């Protein structure tokens, strides 16, 4: 498991996945899938702030559920696509 800092009762997402005494059976699968997706995204791309559109870290919506305003970034591949496909093997030829 990826959760070494939290016990099962202290997970930050526990409120939305627990209901009374029942536990969501897909909770660990969903968390592990998100972790792997974001890890692969960070592994394969460098993410840069666009020079022509700076990100304001204090720009949030004024709604009940606050979220940041949309912003623009550049995704730059960390390596050549051919090299990446060669590293992935036959599964990457799709």
PDB file of N, CA and C in Angstrom:
ATOM      1  N   UNK A   1       0.839  -1.192   0.000  1.00  0.00           N
ATOM      2  CA  UNK A   1       0.000   0.000   0.000  1.00  0.00           C
ATOM      3  C   UNK A   1       0.877   1.246   0.000  1.00  0.00           C
ATOM      4  N   UNK A   2       0.322   2.304  -0.509  1.00  0.00           N
ATOM      5  CA  UNK A   2       1.031   3.565  -0.605  1.00  0.00           C
ATOM      6  C   UNK A   2       0.836   4.429   0.633  1.00  0.00           C
ATOM      7  N   UNK A   3      -0.037   4.008   1.552  1.00  0.00           N
ATOM      8  CA  UNK A   3      -0.379   4.842   2.690  1.00  0.00           C
ATOM      9  C   UNK A   3       0.429   4.416   3.901  1.00  0.00           C
ATOM     10  N   UNK A   4       1.580   5.002   4.065  1.00  0.00           N
ATOM     11  CA  UNK A   4       2.402   4.648   5.211  1.00  0.00           C
ATOM     12  C   UNK A   4       2.214   5.634   6.353  1.00  0.00           C
ATOM     13  N   UNK A   5       1.718   6.828   6.061  1.00  0.00           N
ATOM     14  CA  UNK A   5       1.569   7.842   7.105  1.00  0.00           C
ATOM     15  C   UNK A   5       0.223   7.775   7.814  1.00  0.00           C
ATOM     16  N   UNK A   6      -0.768   7.128   7.195  1.00  0.00           N
ATOM     17  CA  UNK A   6      -2.117   7.133   7.732  1.00  0.00           C
ATOM     18  C   UNK A   6      -2.567   5.710   8.034  1.00  0.00           C
ATOM     19  N   UNK A   7      -3.287   5.557   9.121  1.00  0.00           N
ATOM     20  CA  UNK A   7      -3.969   4.284   9.338  1.00  0.00           C
ATOM     21  C   UNK A   7      -5.262   4.320   8.527  1.00  0.00           C
ATOM     22  N   UNK A   8      -5.951   3.195   8.421  1.00  0.00           N
ATOM     23  CA  UNK A   8      -7.176   3.155   7.624  1.00  0.00           C
ATOM     24  C   UNK A   8      -8.237   4.118   8.149  1.00  0.00           C
ATOM     25  N   UNK A   9      -8.255   4.361   9.442  1.00  0.00           N
ATOM     26  CA  UNK A   9      -9.259   5.256  10.016  1.00  0.00           C
ATOM     27  C   UNK A   9      -8.922   6.720   9.806  1.00  0.00           C
ATOM     28  N   UNK A  10      -7.671   7.034   9.497  1.00  0.00           N
ATOM     29  CA  UNK A  10      -7.255   8.429   9.392  1.00  0.00           C
ATOM     30  C   UNK A  10      -6.957   8.854   7.955  1.00  0.00           C
ATOM     31  N   UNK A  11      -7.422   8.082   6.978  1.00  0.00           N
ATOM     32  CA  UNK A  11      -7.185   8.470   5.591  1.00  0.00           C
ATOM     33  C   UNK A  11      -7.904   9.776   5.283  1.00  0.00           C
ATOM     34  N   UNK A  12      -7.296  10.660   4.505  1.00  0.00           N
ATOM     35  CA  UNK A  12      -7.917  11.956   4.238  1.00  0.00           C
ATOM     36  C   UNK A  12      -9.228  11.859   3.465  1.00  0.00           C
ATOM     37  N   UNK A  13      -9.461  10.782   2.754  1.00  0.00           N
ATOM     38  CA  UNK A  13     -10.671  10.637   1.946  1.00  0.00           C
ATOM     39  C   UNK A  13     -11.704   9.747   2.624  1.00  0.00           C
ATOM     40  N   UNK A  14     -11.487   9.392   3.875  1.00  0.00           N
ATOM     41  CA  UNK A  14     -12.327   8.403   4.545  1.00  0.00           C
ATOM     42  C   UNK A  14     -13.788   8.830   4.631  1.00  0.00           C
ATOM     43  N   UNK A  15     -14.072  10.122   4.752  1.00  0.00           N
ATOM     44  CA  UNK A  15     -15.451  10.565   4.922  1.00  0.00           C
ATOM     45  C   UNK A  15     -16.321  10.249   3.708  1.00  0.00           C
ATOM     46  N   UNK A  16     -15.764  10.304   2.507  1.00  0.00           N
ATOM     47  CA  UNK A  16     -16.587  10.068   1.323  1.00  0.00           C
ATOM     48  C   UNK A  16     -16.656   8.592   0.965  1.00  0.00           C
ATOM     49  N   UNK A  17     -15.824   7.737   1.531  1.00  0.00           N
ATOM     50  CA  UNK A  17     -15.826   6.329   1.165  1.00  0.00           C
ATOM     51  C   UNK A  17     -16.437   5.432   2.243  1.00  0.00           C
ATOM     52  N   UNK A  18     -16.675   5.964   3.417  1.00  0.00           N
ATOM     53  CA  UNK A  18     -17.278   5.186   4.497  1.00  0.00           C
ATOM     54  C   UNK A  18     -18.714   5.637   4.708  1.00  0.00           C
ATOM     55  N   UNK A  19     -19.607   4.678   4.913  1.00  0.00           N
ATOM     56  CA  UNK A  19     -20.981   4.989   5.264  1.00  0.00           C
ATOM     57  C   UNK A  19     -21.397   4.044   6.381  1.00  0.00           C
ATOM     58  N   UNK A  20     -21.607   4.579   7.543  1.00  0.00           N
ATOM     59  CA  UNK A  20     -21.954   3.781   8.722  1.00  0.00           C
ATOM     60  C   UNK A  20     -20.892   2.699   8.926  1.00  0.00           C
ATOM     61  N   UNK A  21     -21.263   1.431   8.825  1.00  0.00           N
ATOM     62  CA  UNK A  21     -20.297   0.353   9.038  1.00  0.00           C
ATOM     63  C   UNK A  21     -19.800  -0.243   7.725  1.00  0.00           C
ATOM     64  N   UNK A  22     -20.294   0.234   6.612  1.00  0.00           N
ATOM     65  CA  UNK A  22     -19.897  -0.330   5.327  1.00  0.00           C
ATOM     66  C   UNK A  22     -18.744   0.460   4.736  1.00  0.00           C
ATOM     67  N   UNK A  23     -17.885  -0.225   4.047  1.00  0.00           N
ATOM     68  CA  UNK A  23     -16.722   0.384   3.420  1.00  0.00           C
ATOM     69  C   UNK A  23     -16.825   0.161   1.921  1.00  0.00           C
ATOM     70  N   UNK A  24     -16.473   1.155   1.156  1.00  0.00           N
ATOM     71  CA  UNK A  24     -16.484   1.026  -0.298  1.00  0.00           C
ATOM     72  C   UNK A  24     -15.449  -0.025  -0.700  1.00  0.00           C
ATOM     73  N   UNK A  25     -15.867  -1.099  -1.380  1.00  0.00           N
ATOM     74  CA  UNK A  25     -14.905  -2.149  -1.724  1.00  0.00           C
ATOM     75  C   UNK A  25     -13.876  -1.706  -2.764  1.00  0.00           C
ATOM     76  N   UNK A  26     -14.177  -0.689  -3.535  1.00  0.00           N
ATOM     77  CA  UNK A  26     -13.249  -0.226  -4.553  1.00  0.00           C
ATOM     78  C   UNK A  26     -12.364   0.922  -4.114  1.00  0.00           C
ATOM     79  N   UNK A  27     -12.381   1.251  -2.821  1.00  0.00           N
ATOM     80  CA  UNK A  27     -11.644   2.402  -2.312  1.00  0.00           C
ATOM     81  C   UNK A  27     -10.152   2.283  -2.593  1.00  0.00           C
ATOM     82  N   UNK A  28      -9.559   1.146  -2.293  1.00  0.00           N
ATOM     83  CA  UNK A  28      -8.118   0.997  -2.480  1.00  0.00           C
ATOM     84  C   UNK A  28      -7.757   0.916  -3.960  1.00  0.00           C
ATOM     85  N   UNK A  29      -8.597   0.263  -4.743  1.00  0.00           N
ATOM     86  CA  UNK A  29      -8.357   0.196  -6.182  1.00  0.00           C
ATOM     87  C   UNK A  29      -8.418   1.592  -6.802  1.00  0.00           C
ATOM     88  N   UNK A  30      -9.398   2.395  -6.412  1.00  0.00           N
ATOM     89  CA  UNK A  30      -9.522   3.747  -6.945  1.00  0.00           C
ATOM     90  C   UNK A  30      -8.326   4.609  -6.552  1.00  0.00           C
ATOM     91  N   UNK A  31      -7.911   4.533  -5.304  1.00  0.00           N
ATOM     92  CA  UNK A  31      -6.766   5.331  -4.846  1.00  0.00           C
ATOM     93  C   UNK A  31      -5.470   4.896  -5.516  1.00  0.00           C
ATOM     94  N   UNK A  32      -5.264   3.588  -5.644  1.00  0.00           N
ATOM     95  CA  UNK A  32      -4.053   3.098  -6.303  1.00  0.00           C
ATOM     96  C   UNK A  32      -4.038   3.468  -7.779  1.00  0.00           C
ATOM     97  N   UNK A  33      -5.194   3.426  -8.437  1.00  0.00           N
ATOM     98  CA  UNK A  33      -5.278   3.799  -9.851  1.00  0.00           C
ATOM     99  C   UNK A  33      -4.968   5.278 -10.047  1.00  0.00           C
ATOM    100  N   UNK A  34      -5.496   6.129  -9.176  1.00  0.00           N
ATOM    101  CA  UNK A  34      -5.188   7.557  -9.268  1.00  0.00           C
ATOM    102  C   UNK A  34      -3.711   7.823  -9.016  1.00  0.00           C
ATOM    103  N   UNK A  35      -3.132   7.144  -8.038  1.00  0.00           N
ATOM    104  CA  UNK A  35      -1.715   7.315  -7.746  1.00  0.00           C
ATOM    105  C   UNK A  35      -0.862   6.941  -8.957  1.00  0.00           C
ATOM    106  N   UNK A  36      -1.162   5.794  -9.567  1.00  0.00           N
ATOM    107  CA  UNK A  36      -0.388   5.347 -10.727  1.00  0.00           C
ATOM    108  C   UNK A  36      -0.574   6.275 -11.918  1.00  0.00           C
ATOM    109  N   UNK A  37      -1.789   6.778 -12.123  1.00  0.00           N
ATOM    110  CA  UNK A  37      -2.049   7.688 -13.235  1.00  0.00           C
ATOM    111  C   UNK A  37      -1.255   8.978 -13.087  1.00  0.00           C
ATOM    112  N   UNK A  38      -1.290   9.572 -11.908  1.00  0.00           N
ATOM    113  CA  UNK A  38      -0.560  10.827 -11.696  1.00  0.00           C
ATOM    114  C   UNK A  38       0.954  10.604 -11.684  1.00  0.00           C
ATOM    115  N   UNK A  39       1.411   9.470 -11.173  1.00  0.00           N
ATOM    116  CA  UNK A  39       2.842   9.172 -11.204  1.00  0.00           C
ATOM    117  C   UNK A  39       3.339   9.045 -12.638  1.00  0.00           C
ATOM    118  N   UNK A  40       2.577   8.359 -13.497  1.00  0.00           N
ATOM    119  CA  UNK A  40       2.968   8.235 -14.901  1.00  0.00           C
ATOM    120  C   UNK A  40       2.908   9.576 -15.621  1.00  0.00           C
ATOM    121  N   UNK A  41       1.934  10.398 -15.279  1.00  0.00           N
ATOM    122  CA  UNK A  41       1.830  11.725 -15.879  1.00  0.00           C
ATOM    123  C   UNK A  41       3.040  12.580 -15.519  1.00  0.00           C
ATOM    124  N   UNK A  42       3.429  12.563 -14.253  1.00  0.00           N
ATOM    125  CA  UNK A  42       4.596  13.333 -13.817  1.00  0.00           C
ATOM    126  C   UNK A  42       5.899  12.737 -14.345  1.00  0.00           C
ATOM    127  N   UNK A  43       5.937  11.411 -14.556  1.00  0.00           N
ATOM    128  CA  UNK A  43       7.129  10.768 -15.090  1.00  0.00           C
ATOM    129  C   UNK A  43       7.331  11.109 -16.562  1.00  0.00           C
ATOM    130  N   UNK A  44       6.252  11.212 -17.322  1.00  0.00           N
ATOM    131  CA  UNK A  44       6.388  11.357 -18.765  1.00  0.00           C
ATOM    132  C   UNK A  44       6.370  12.802 -19.258  1.00  0.00           C
ATOM    133  N   UNK A  45       5.956  13.760 -18.441  1.00  0.00           N
ATOM    134  CA  UNK A  45       5.879  15.150 -18.891  1.00  0.00           C
ATOM    135  C   UNK A  45       6.513  16.095 -17.877  1.00  0.00           C
ATOM    136  N   UNK A  46       7.081  17.159 -18.389  1.00  0.00           N
ATOM    137  CA  UNK A  46       7.454  18.307 -17.564  1.00  0.00           C
ATOM    138  C   UNK A  46       6.328  19.316 -17.702  1.00  0.00           C
ATOM    139  N   UNK A  47       5.862  19.827 -16.601  1.00  0.00           N
ATOM    140  CA  UNK A  47       4.724  20.744 -16.611  1.00  0.00           C
ATOM    141  C   UNK A  47       5.243  22.126 -16.245  1.00  0.00           C
ATOM    142  N   UNK A  48       5.084  23.062 -17.188  1.00  0.00           N
ATOM    143  CA  UNK A  48       5.592  24.420 -17.008  1.00  0.00           C
ATOM    144  C   UNK A  48       4.466  25.436 -17.030  1.00  0.00           C
ATOM    145  N   UNK A  49       4.641  26.483 -16.250  1.00  0.00           N
ATOM    146  CA  UNK A  49       3.732  27.628 -16.301  1.00  0.00           C
ATOM    147  C   UNK A  49       3.990  28.384 -17.606  1.00  0.00           C
ATOM    148  N   UNK A  50       2.919  28.789 -18.272  1.00  0.00           N
ATOM    149  CA  UNK A  50       3.077  29.534 -19.528  1.00  0.00           C
ATOM    150  C   UNK A  50       3.529  30.954 -19.212  1.00  0.00           C
ATOM    151  N   UNK A  51       4.566  31.444 -19.914  1.00  0.00           N
ATOM    152  CA  UNK A  51       5.067  32.793 -19.624  1.00  0.00           C
ATOM    153  C   UNK A  51       4.059  33.891 -19.943  1.00  0.00           C
ATOM    154  N   UNK A  52       3.191  33.653 -20.924  1.00  0.00           N
ATOM    155  CA  UNK A  52       2.226  34.679 -21.314  1.00  0.00           C
ATOM    156  C   UNK A  52       0.957  34.659 -20.452  1.00  0.00           C
ATOM    157  N   UNK A  53       0.784  33.610 -19.620  1.00  0.00           N
ATOM    158  CA  UNK A  53      -0.397  33.513 -18.762  1.00  0.00           C
ATOM    159  C   UNK A  53       0.031  33.017 -17.382  1.00  0.00           C
ATOM    160  N   UNK A  54       0.541  33.902 -16.512  1.00  0.00           N
ATOM    161  CA  UNK A  54       0.997  33.461 -15.188  1.00  0.00           C
ATOM    162  C   UNK A  54      -0.162  32.951 -14.324  1.00  0.00           C
ATOM    163  N   UNK A  55       0.151  32.027 -13.446  1.00  0.00           N
ATOM    164  CA  UNK A  55      -0.856  31.431 -12.560  1.00  0.00           C
ATOM    165  C   UNK A  55      -0.941  32.243 -11.280  1.00  0.00           C
ATOM    166  N   UNK A  56      -2.154  32.640 -10.935  1.00  0.00           N
ATOM    167  CA  UNK A  56      -2.380  33.354  -9.673  1.00  0.00           C
ATOM    168  C   UNK A  56      -2.744  32.324  -8.602  1.00  0.00           C
ATOM    169  N   UNK A  57      -1.878  32.050  -7.628  1.00  0.00           N
ATOM    170  CA  UNK A  57      -2.174  31.013  -6.632  1.00  0.00           C
ATOM    171  C   UNK A  57      -3.312  31.376  -5.686  1.00  0.00           C
ATOM    172  N   UNK A  58      -3.743  32.640  -5.679  1.00  0.00           N
ATOM    173  CA  UNK A  58      -4.831  33.060  -4.790  1.00  0.00           C
ATOM    174  C   UNK A  58      -6.159  33.218  -5.510  1.00  0.00           C
ATOM    175  N   UNK A  59      -6.253  32.785  -6.774  1.00  0.00           N
ATOM    176  CA  UNK A  59      -7.486  32.954  -7.553  1.00  0.00           C
ATOM    177  C   UNK A  59      -8.387  31.736  -7.371  1.00  0.00           C
ATOM    178  N   UNK A  60      -9.410  31.882  -6.543  1.00  0.00           N
ATOM    179  CA  UNK A  60     -10.374  30.817  -6.278  1.00  0.00           C
ATOM    180  C   UNK A  60     -11.785  31.338  -6.504  1.00  0.00           C
ATOM    181  N   UNK A  61     -12.722  30.416  -6.747  1.00  0.00           N
ATOM    182  CA  UNK A  61     -14.120  30.793  -6.934  1.00  0.00           C
ATOM    183  C   UNK A  61     -14.736  31.192  -5.604  1.00  0.00           C
ATOM    184  N   UNK A  62     -15.814  31.979  -5.658  1.00  0.00           N
ATOM    185  CA  UNK A  62     -16.531  32.405  -4.456  1.00  0.00           C
ATOM    186  C   UNK A  62     -17.796  31.572  -4.261  1.00  0.00           C
ATOM    187  N   UNK A  63     -17.685  30.282  -4.396  1.00  0.00           N
ATOM    188  CA  UNK A  63     -18.846  29.411  -4.234  1.00  0.00           C
ATOM    189  C   UNK A  63     -18.718  28.614  -2.946  1.00  0.00           C
ATOM    190  N   UNK A  64     -19.747  27.828  -2.649  1.00  0.00           N
ATOM    191  CA  UNK A  64     -19.738  27.021  -1.436  1.00  0.00           C
ATOM    192  C   UNK A  64     -18.576  26.022  -1.460  1.00  0.00           C
ATOM    193  N   UNK A  65     -18.381  25.381  -2.596  1.00  0.00           N
ATOM    194  CA  UNK A  65     -17.236  24.489  -2.778  1.00  0.00           C
ATOM    195  C   UNK A  65     -16.217  25.246  -3.611  1.00  0.00           C
ATOM    196  N   UNK A  66     -15.191  25.726  -2.973  1.00  0.00           N
ATOM    197  CA  UNK A  66     -14.198  26.564  -3.632  1.00  0.00           C
ATOM    198  C   UNK A  66     -13.239  25.723  -4.458  1.00  0.00           C
ATOM    199  N   UNK A  67     -12.882  26.232  -5.624  1.00  0.00           N
ATOM    200  CA  UNK A  67     -11.896  25.573  -6.476  1.00  0.00           C
ATOM    201  C   UNK A  67     -11.118  26.644  -7.225  1.00  0.00           C
ATOM    202  N   UNK A  68      -9.913  26.316  -7.662  1.00  0.00           N
ATOM    203  CA  UNK A  68      -9.120  27.330  -8.369  1.00  0.00           C
ATOM    204  C   UNK A  68      -9.691  27.630  -9.744  1.00  0.00           C
ATOM    205  N   UNK A  69      -9.459  28.852 -10.201  1.00  0.00           N
ATOM    206  CA  UNK A  69      -9.851  29.205 -11.556  1.00  0.00           C
ATOM    207  C   UNK A  69      -9.003  28.430 -12.549  1.00  0.00           C
ATOM    208  N   UNK A  70      -9.518  28.186 -13.744  1.00  0.00           N
ATOM    209  CA  UNK A  70      -8.713  27.489 -14.756  1.00  0.00           C
ATOM    210  C   UNK A  70      -7.438  28.267 -15.084  1.00  0.00           C
ATOM    211  N   UNK A  71      -6.396  27.528 -15.418  1.00  0.00           N
ATOM    212  CA  UNK A  71      -5.127  28.142 -15.791  1.00  0.00           C
ATOM    213  C   UNK A  71      -4.499  27.312 -16.901  1.00  0.00           C
ATOM    214  N   UNK A  72      -3.528  27.898 -17.577  1.00  0.00           N
ATOM    215  CA  UNK A  72      -2.891  27.236 -18.707  1.00  0.00           C
ATOM    216  C   UNK A  72      -1.459  26.853 -18.353  1.00  0.00           C
ATOM    217  N   UNK A  73      -1.085  25.630 -18.730  1.00  0.00           N
ATOM    218  CA  UNK A  73       0.271  25.141 -18.541  1.00  0.00           C
ATOM    219  C   UNK A  73       0.735  24.462 -19.829  1.00  0.00           C
ATOM    220  N   UNK A  74       2.030  24.267 -19.938  1.00  0.00           N
ATOM    221  CA  UNK A  74       2.607  23.558 -21.074  1.00  0.00           C
ATOM    222  C   UNK A  74       3.084  22.185 -20.611  1.00  0.00           C
ATOM    223  N   UNK A  75       2.680  21.143 -21.339  1.00  0.00           N
ATOM    224  CA  UNK A  75       3.146  19.787 -21.087  1.00  0.00           C
ATOM    225  C   UNK A  75       4.217  19.473 -22.122  1.00  0.00           C
ATOM    226  N   UNK A  76       5.445  19.287 -21.654  1.00  0.00           N
ATOM    227  CA  UNK A  76       6.575  19.003 -22.539  1.00  0.00           C
ATOM    228  C   UNK A  76       7.023  17.569 -22.276  1.00  0.00           C
ATOM    229  N   UNK A  77       7.037  16.709 -23.310  1.00  0.00           N
ATOM    230  CA  UNK A  77       7.483  15.325 -23.088  1.00  0.00           C
ATOM    231  C   UNK A  77       8.923  15.272 -22.585  1.00  0.00           C
ATOM    232  N   UNK A  78       9.180  14.380 -21.643  1.00  0.00           N
ATOM    233  CA  UNK A  78      10.514  14.247 -21.068  1.00  0.00           C
ATOM    234  C   UNK A  78      11.467  13.498 -21.990  1.00  0.00           C
ATOM    235  N   UNK A  79      10.920  12.712 -22.931  1.00  0.00           N
ATOM    236  CA  UNK A  79      11.777  11.963 -23.849  1.00  0.00           C
ATOM    237  C   UNK A  79      11.080  11.819 -25.197  1.00  0.00           C
ATOM    238  N   UNK A  80      11.833  11.373 -26.174  1.00  0.00           N
ATOM    239  CA  UNK A  80      11.315  11.191 -27.516  1.00  0.00           C
ATOM    240  C   UNK A  80      10.241  10.095 -27.525  1.00  0.00           C
ATOM    241  N   UNK A  81       9.219  10.263 -28.343  1.00  0.00           N
ATOM    242  CA  UNK A  81       8.122   9.304 -28.401  1.00  0.00           C
ATOM    243  C   UNK A  81       8.603   7.928 -28.853  1.00  0.00           C
ATOM    244  N   UNK A  82       9.524   7.865 -29.806  1.00  0.00           N
ATOM    245  CA  UNK A  82      10.032   6.576 -30.281  1.00  0.00           C
ATOM    246  C   UNK A  82      10.768   5.831 -29.172  1.00  0.00           C
ATOM    247  N   UNK A  83      11.560   6.549 -28.395  1.00  0.00           N
ATOM    248  CA  UNK A  83      12.267   5.933 -27.284  1.00  0.00           C
ATOM    249  C   UNK A  83      11.289   5.427 -26.231  1.00  0.00           C
ATOM    250  N   UNK A  84      10.267   6.182 -25.960  1.00  0.00           N
ATOM    251  CA  UNK A  84       9.252   5.779 -24.993  1.00  0.00           C
ATOM    252  C   UNK A  84       8.542   4.514 -25.452  1.00  0.00           C
ATOM    253  N   UNK A  85       8.160   4.450 -26.724  1.00  0.00           N
ATOM    254  CA  UNK A  85       7.497   3.249 -27.249  1.00  0.00           C
ATOM    255  C   UNK A  85       8.424   2.036 -27.189  1.00  0.00           C
ATOM    256  N   UNK A  86       9.716   2.242 -27.437  1.00  0.00           N
ATOM    257  CA  UNK A  86      10.663   1.141 -27.356  1.00  0.00           C
ATOM    258  C   UNK A  86      10.785   0.634 -25.910  1.00  0.00           C
ATOM    259  N   UNK A  87      10.773   1.551 -24.948  1.00  0.00           N
ATOM    260  CA  UNK A  87      10.856   1.155 -23.539  1.00  0.00           C
ATOM    261  C   UNK A  87       9.608   0.404 -23.092  1.00  0.00           C
ATOM    262  N   UNK A  88       8.463   0.782 -23.634  1.00  0.00           N
ATOM    263  CA  UNK A  88       7.209   0.146 -23.229  1.00  0.00           C
ATOM    264  C   UNK A  88       7.041  -1.239 -23.836  1.00  0.00           C
ATOM    265  N   UNK A  89       7.746  -1.529 -24.902  1.00  0.00           N
ATOM    266  CA  UNK A  89       7.665  -2.856 -25.520  1.00  0.00           C
ATOM    267  C   UNK A  89       6.474  -2.972 -26.439  1.00  0.00           C
ATOM    268  N   UNK A  90       6.024  -4.207 -26.703  1.00  0.00           N
ATOM    269  CA  UNK A  90       4.943  -4.428 -27.679  1.00  0.00           C
ATOM    270  C   UNK A  90       3.604  -3.801 -27.258  1.00  0.00           C
ATOM    271  N   UNK A  91       3.394  -3.602 -25.950  1.00  0.00           N
ATOM    272  CA  UNK A  91       2.132  -3.006 -25.506  1.00  0.00           C
ATOM    273  C   UNK A  91       2.009  -1.551 -25.946  1.00  0.00           C
ATOM    274  N   UNK A  92       3.125  -0.879 -26.163  1.00  0.00           N
ATOM    275  CA  UNK A  92       3.114   0.535 -26.542  1.00  0.00           C
ATOM    276  C   UNK A  92       2.921   0.766 -28.027  1.00  0.00           C
ATOM    277  N   UNK A  93       2.777  -0.308 -28.806  1.00  0.00           N
ATOM    278  CA  UNK A  93       2.626  -0.174 -30.256  1.00  0.00           C
ATOM    279  C   UNK A  93       1.186   0.033 -30.682  1.00  0.00           C
ATOM    280  N   UNK A  94       0.266   0.152 -29.763  1.00  0.00           N
ATOM    281  CA  UNK A  94      -1.165   0.250 -30.090  1.00  0.00           C
ATOM    282  C   UNK A  94      -1.492   1.455 -30.910  1.00  0.00           C
TER     283      UNK A  94
END
